[in-house]
Amino acid sequence: MSKAIGRFLLALSQAPAPRKLFTTEEDAARWLRGFLRRAPGPSSARVARRWSASAT
């Protein structure tokens, strides 16, 4: 029920960035890493290194 309510609320508002609800942190991290691969650059590489260091 709460997932349906969350999807409904996300659909109502318009955000400038992609967003999605997840049931696990692992799924959320995988989704976010996909954005790092799509937009490579010095800043995203730095974030990826920081993320991988904190995830272990």
Protein backbone atom coordinates (compact mmCIF):
# COMPACT_ATOMS: atom_id res chain seq x y z
CA MET A 1 0.00 0.00 0.00
CA SER A 2 2.75 2.49 0.92
CA LYS A 3 4.56 1.77 -2.36
CA ALA A 4 1.41 2.63 -4.32
CA ILE A 5 1.01 5.88 -2.39
CA GLY A 6 4.67 6.76 -3.02
CA ARG A 7 4.33 6.16 -6.75
CA PHE A 8 1.18 8.26 -6.83
CA LEU A 9 2.89 11.18 -5.08
CA LEU A 10 5.93 10.96 -7.36
CA ALA A 11 3.65 11.05 -10.39
CA LEU A 12 1.88 14.19 -9.15
CA SER A 13 4.95 16.38 -8.78
CA GLN A 14 7.38 17.36 -11.53
CA ALA A 15 11.03 17.17 -10.45
CA PRO A 16 14.03 18.42 -12.45
CA ALA A 17 15.91 15.18 -11.73
CA PRO A 18 14.97 11.51 -12.14
CA ARG A 19 13.67 9.77 -9.04
CA LYS A 20 12.41 6.36 -8.12
CA LEU A 21 11.33 4.38 -5.05
CA PHE A 22 13.31 1.31 -4.01
CA THR A 23 12.83 -1.49 -1.54
CA THR A 24 16.57 -2.06 -0.97
CA GLU A 25 19.59 0.22 -0.75
CA GLU A 26 21.44 -2.09 -3.16
CA ASP A 27 18.83 -1.55 -5.88
CA ALA A 28 19.00 2.22 -5.34
CA ALA A 29 22.82 2.23 -5.57
CA ARG A 30 22.72 0.20 -8.81
CA TRP A 31 20.24 2.67 -10.31
CA LEU A 32 22.39 5.66 -9.32
CA ARG A 33 25.57 4.09 -10.73
CA GLY A 34 23.79 3.88 -14.09
CA PHE A 35 23.65 7.68 -14.18
CA LEU A 36 27.39 7.94 -13.50
CA ARG A 37 28.11 5.75 -16.53
CA ARG A 38 25.86 7.86 -18.79
CA ALA A 39 27.45 11.21 -17.95
CA PRO A 40 31.20 10.63 -17.60
CA GLY A 41 33.39 13.51 -16.58
CA PRO A 42 35.80 14.61 -13.87
CA SER A 43 33.09 15.38 -11.33
CA SER A 44 31.15 12.13 -11.83
CA ALA A 45 34.38 10.10 -11.68
CA ARG A 46 35.21 11.74 -8.35
CA VAL A 47 31.73 10.90 -7.02
CA ALA A 48 32.05 7.31 -8.24
CA ARG A 49 35.37 6.88 -6.41
CA ARG A 50 33.91 8.38 -3.24
CA TRP A 51 30.79 6.18 -3.53
CA SER A 52 32.76 2.96 -4.05
CA ALA A 53 35.05 3.79 -1.13
CA SER A 54 32.14 4.41 1.23
CA ALA A 55 30.17 1.37 0.04
CA THR A 56 32.82 -1.11 1.15
